[in-house]
Amino acid sequence: MRALVAFEAERAGSLLNEGTPLVGSVHGRLKLLLAGFVAGGRAALDAVAAAGHDVLPGPPKPTKARLMREVGAVLRRARREG
């Protein structure tokens, strides 16, 4: 089960990375919403990885600090690529 979760997490991370440039192509509230979505996904994937891809005991949850760091990283990356 862990191998499957790791595989799917890698796929999800790739999709989030592919969608990140979209954040730089929009403005205002939509930009913040998209950045939050991408950052939330990345933070969740980091939490899953930190749990050794063992999600059966319960869903691993990122910290708020980790989520905020991810939002900043997404917005910076979107600025560079946009």
C-alpha atoms as a PDB file:
ATOM      1  CA  MET A   1       0.000   0.000   0.000  1.00  0.00           C
ATOM      2  CA  ARG A   2       2.841   2.409   0.815  1.00  0.00           C
ATOM      3  CA  ALA A   3       4.373   1.884  -2.628  1.00  0.00           C
ATOM      4  CA  LEU A   4       1.064   2.741  -4.274  1.00  0.00           C
ATOM      5  CA  VAL A   5       0.645   5.868  -2.151  1.00  0.00           C
ATOM      6  CA  ALA A   6       4.229   6.922  -2.984  1.00  0.00           C
ATOM      7  CA  PHE A   7       3.582   6.386  -6.699  1.00  0.00           C
ATOM      8  CA  GLU A   8       0.353   8.381  -6.646  1.00  0.00           C
ATOM      9  CA  ALA A   9       1.934  11.136  -4.548  1.00  0.00           C
ATOM     10  CA  GLU A  10       4.712  11.488  -7.122  1.00  0.00           C
ATOM     11  CA  ARG A  11       2.130  11.745  -9.899  1.00  0.00           C
ATOM     12  CA  ALA A  12       0.153  14.341  -7.959  1.00  0.00           C
ATOM     13  CA  GLY A  13       3.322  16.356  -7.333  1.00  0.00           C
ATOM     14  CA  SER A  14       4.118  16.344 -11.048  1.00  0.00           C
ATOM     15  CA  LEU A  15       0.629  17.586 -11.876  1.00  0.00           C
ATOM     16  CA  LEU A  16       0.900  20.357  -9.288  1.00  0.00           C
ATOM     17  CA  ASN A  17       4.256  21.382 -10.765  1.00  0.00           C
ATOM     18  CA  GLU A  18       2.780  21.471 -14.268  1.00  0.00           C
ATOM     19  CA  GLY A  19      -0.063  23.679 -13.077  1.00  0.00           C
ATOM     20  CA  THR A  20       2.070  26.141 -11.137  1.00  0.00           C
ATOM     21  CA  PRO A  21       2.670  28.475 -14.137  1.00  0.00           C
ATOM     22  CA  LEU A  22      -1.088  29.065 -14.221  1.00  0.00           C
ATOM     23  CA  VAL A  23      -0.728  30.948 -10.929  1.00  0.00           C
ATOM     24  CA  GLY A  24       1.426  33.532 -12.692  1.00  0.00           C
ATOM     25  CA  SER A  25      -1.071  34.000 -15.520  1.00  0.00           C
ATOM     26  CA  VAL A  26      -3.940  35.285 -13.369  1.00  0.00           C
ATOM     27  CA  HIS A  27      -4.350  38.218 -11.014  1.00  0.00           C
ATOM     28  CA  GLY A  28      -6.020  39.232  -7.796  1.00  0.00           C
ATOM     29  CA  ARG A  29      -8.082  36.845  -5.750  1.00  0.00           C
ATOM     30  CA  LEU A  30      -7.843  34.045  -8.299  1.00  0.00           C
ATOM     31  CA  LYS A  31      -4.050  34.160  -8.046  1.00  0.00           C
ATOM     32  CA  LEU A  32      -4.204  33.741  -4.270  1.00  0.00           C
ATOM     33  CA  LEU A  33      -6.761  30.940  -4.537  1.00  0.00           C
ATOM     34  CA  LEU A  34      -4.684  29.021  -7.078  1.00  0.00           C
ATOM     35  CA  ALA A  35      -1.503  29.553  -5.072  1.00  0.00           C
ATOM     36  CA  GLY A  36      -3.289  28.236  -1.989  1.00  0.00           C
ATOM     37  CA  PHE A  37      -4.515  25.179  -3.865  1.00  0.00           C
ATOM     38  CA  VAL A  38      -1.058  24.326  -5.225  1.00  0.00           C
ATOM     39  CA  ALA A  39       0.632  25.072  -1.904  1.00  0.00           C
ATOM     40  CA  GLY A  40      -1.919  23.018   0.014  1.00  0.00           C
ATOM     41  CA  GLY A  41      -1.325  20.088  -2.300  1.00  0.00           C
ATOM     42  CA  ARG A  42       2.435  20.331  -1.980  1.00  0.00           C
ATOM     43  CA  ALA A  43       2.286  20.661   1.799  1.00  0.00           C
ATOM     44  CA  ALA A  44      -0.040  17.655   1.997  1.00  0.00           C
ATOM     45  CA  LEU A  45       2.301  15.598  -0.180  1.00  0.00           C
ATOM     46  CA  ASP A  46       5.233  16.579   2.051  1.00  0.00           C
ATOM     47  CA  ALA A  47       3.265  15.429   5.099  1.00  0.00           C
ATOM     48  CA  VAL A  48       2.472  12.111   3.409  1.00  0.00           C
ATOM     49  CA  ALA A  49       6.147  11.629   2.563  1.00  0.00           C
ATOM     50  CA  ALA A  50       7.168  12.522   6.130  1.00  0.00           C
ATOM     51  CA  ALA A  51       4.789   9.790   7.352  1.00  0.00           C
ATOM     52  CA  GLY A  52       6.601   7.270   5.177  1.00  0.00           C
ATOM     53  CA  HIS A  53       3.595   7.139   2.846  1.00  0.00           C
ATOM     54  CA  ASP A  54       1.654   5.351   5.575  1.00  0.00           C
ATOM     55  CA  VAL A  55      -1.805   6.899   5.423  1.00  0.00           C
ATOM     56  CA  LEU A  56      -3.801   4.068   6.982  1.00  0.00           C
ATOM     57  CA  PRO A  57      -3.613   5.310  10.607  1.00  0.00           C
ATOM     58  CA  GLY A  58      -5.090   8.633   9.457  1.00  0.00           C
ATOM     59  CA  PRO A  59      -4.343  11.382   6.990  1.00  0.00           C
ATOM     60  CA  PRO A  60      -1.003  13.116   7.620  1.00  0.00           C
ATOM     61  CA  LYS A  61      -1.565  16.853   7.946  1.00  0.00           C
ATOM     62  CA  PRO A  62       0.880  19.643   7.177  1.00  0.00           C
ATOM     63  CA  THR A  63       1.522  22.336   9.730  1.00  0.00           C
ATOM     64  CA  LYS A  64       0.209  25.834   9.122  1.00  0.00           C
ATOM     65  CA  ALA A  65       3.784  27.088   8.967  1.00  0.00           C
ATOM     66  CA  ARG A  66       4.607  24.574   6.240  1.00  0.00           C
ATOM     67  CA  LEU A  67       1.532  25.616   4.298  1.00  0.00           C
ATOM     68  CA  MET A  68       2.451  29.302   4.516  1.00  0.00           C
ATOM     69  CA  ARG A  69       6.018  28.579   3.341  1.00  0.00           C
ATOM     70  CA  GLU A  70       4.591  26.693   0.369  1.00  0.00           C
ATOM     71  CA  VAL A  71       2.260  29.574  -0.530  1.00  0.00           C
ATOM     72  CA  GLY A  72       5.237  31.938  -0.557  1.00  0.00           C
ATOM     73  CA  ALA A  73       7.280  29.527  -2.664  1.00  0.00           C
ATOM     74  CA  VAL A  74       4.453  29.114  -5.185  1.00  0.00           C
ATOM     75  CA  LEU A  75       3.959  32.876  -5.506  1.00  0.00           C
ATOM     76  CA  ARG A  76       7.710  33.453  -5.943  1.00  0.00           C
ATOM     77  CA  ARG A  77       7.959  30.718  -8.558  1.00  0.00           C
ATOM     78  CA  ALA A  78       4.924  32.079 -10.415  1.00  0.00           C
ATOM     79  CA  ARG A  79       6.493  35.543 -10.462  1.00  0.00           C
ATOM     80  CA  ARG A  80       9.733  34.175 -11.972  1.00  0.00           C
ATOM     81  CA  GLU A  81       7.932  32.070 -14.570  1.00  0.00           C
ATOM     82  CA  GLY A  82       5.140  34.521 -15.320  1.00  0.00           C
END
